[in-house]
Protein backbone atom coordinates (compact mmCIF):
# COMPACT_ATOMS: atom_id res chain seq x y z
CA UNK A 1 -17.18 -10.71 -10.15
CA UNK A 2 -14.61 -11.52 -8.20
CA UNK A 3 -14.44 -10.74 -4.28
CA UNK A 4 -13.04 -7.08 -3.56
CA UNK A 5 -10.49 -7.07 -1.22
CA UNK A 6 -8.96 -4.01 0.15
CA UNK A 7 -5.08 -3.11 1.18
CA UNK A 8 -3.65 -2.24 4.59
CA UNK A 9 -0.25 -0.63 4.67
CA UNK A 10 0.68 -1.69 8.83
CA UNK A 11 3.99 -0.77 9.42
CA UNK A 12 7.88 -0.20 7.23
CA UNK A 13 11.31 0.25 8.36
CA UNK A 14 12.56 3.93 8.43
CA UNK A 15 15.06 3.52 6.25
CA UNK A 16 12.52 1.96 3.55
CA UNK A 17 9.85 5.45 3.69
CA UNK A 18 11.21 6.84 0.72
CA UNK A 19 10.41 3.60 -0.96
CA UNK A 20 7.41 2.88 0.20
CA UNK A 21 6.16 6.29 -0.89
CA UNK A 22 6.92 5.70 -4.57
CA UNK A 23 5.45 2.25 -4.59
CA UNK A 24 2.15 4.13 -2.69
CA UNK A 25 2.16 6.65 -5.29
CA UNK A 26 2.44 3.92 -8.46
CA UNK A 27 -0.78 1.99 -7.03
CA UNK A 28 -2.84 4.85 -6.38
CA UNK A 29 -2.05 7.00 -9.25
CA UNK A 30 -4.76 9.99 -8.10
CA UNK A 31 -2.03 11.26 -4.69
CA UNK A 32 0.43 13.30 -5.15
CA UNK A 33 3.33 13.32 -3.12
CA UNK A 34 2.36 15.13 -0.41
CA UNK A 35 -0.82 13.18 0.29
CA UNK A 36 1.20 9.68 -0.61
CA UNK A 37 3.62 10.88 2.11
CA UNK A 38 1.04 11.53 4.39
CA UNK A 39 -0.81 8.36 4.24
CA UNK A 40 2.31 6.64 5.04
CA UNK A 41 3.25 8.56 7.44
CA UNK A 42 -0.15 7.84 9.29
CA UNK A 43 0.06 4.07 8.87
CA UNK A 44 -1.41 1.80 9.67
CA UNK A 45 -4.40 2.70 6.82
CA UNK A 46 -6.25 1.77 4.22
CA UNK A 47 -4.08 2.10 0.91
CA UNK A 48 -6.42 0.70 -1.78
CA UNK A 49 -9.82 -0.47 -1.33
CA UNK A 50 -11.99 -3.07 -3.86
CA UNK A 51 -9.06 -4.81 -5.95
CA UNK A 52 -8.92 -8.38 -6.71
CA UNK A 53 -7.46 -10.53 -5.41
CA UNK A 54 -4.70 -10.58 -8.01
CA UNK A 55 -4.05 -7.06 -7.15
CA UNK A 56 -4.21 -7.45 -3.94
CA UNK A 57 -1.59 -10.16 -3.44
CA UNK A 58 0.72 -8.37 -6.36
CA UNK A 59 0.40 -5.02 -4.07
CA UNK A 60 1.15 -6.89 -0.37
CA UNK A 61 4.02 -8.36 -2.40
CA UNK A 62 5.97 -5.52 -3.92
CA UNK A 63 5.58 -3.75 0.15
CA UNK A 64 6.56 -6.40 1.70
CA UNK A 65 10.01 -6.58 -0.50
CA UNK A 66 10.64 -3.14 0.12
CA UNK A 67 10.73 -3.06 3.88
CA UNK A 68 6.91 -2.51 4.67
CA UNK A 69 4.41 -4.50 6.70
CA UNK A 70 0.93 -5.32 4.78
CA UNK A 71 -1.92 -7.45 4.26
CA UNK A 72 -4.90 -7.95 2.42
CA UNK A 73 -8.69 -8.20 3.27
CA UNK A 74 -11.96 -8.71 2.27
């Protein structure tokens, strides 16, 4: 089994808030709109834990593409 990574949302551009919330919901399907909004508004925060390196890199790139600062770590 490969290493497990966590995804951390550091910050986001105010103009991208809705896009970031939608992207977070796509990664974390168990979150409702209210929970995803609260999570994003309280960044920095951990979005997801225990994902593969490939999944972590994909999530970070998608978040960066919409104006968020994010990172993955072990």
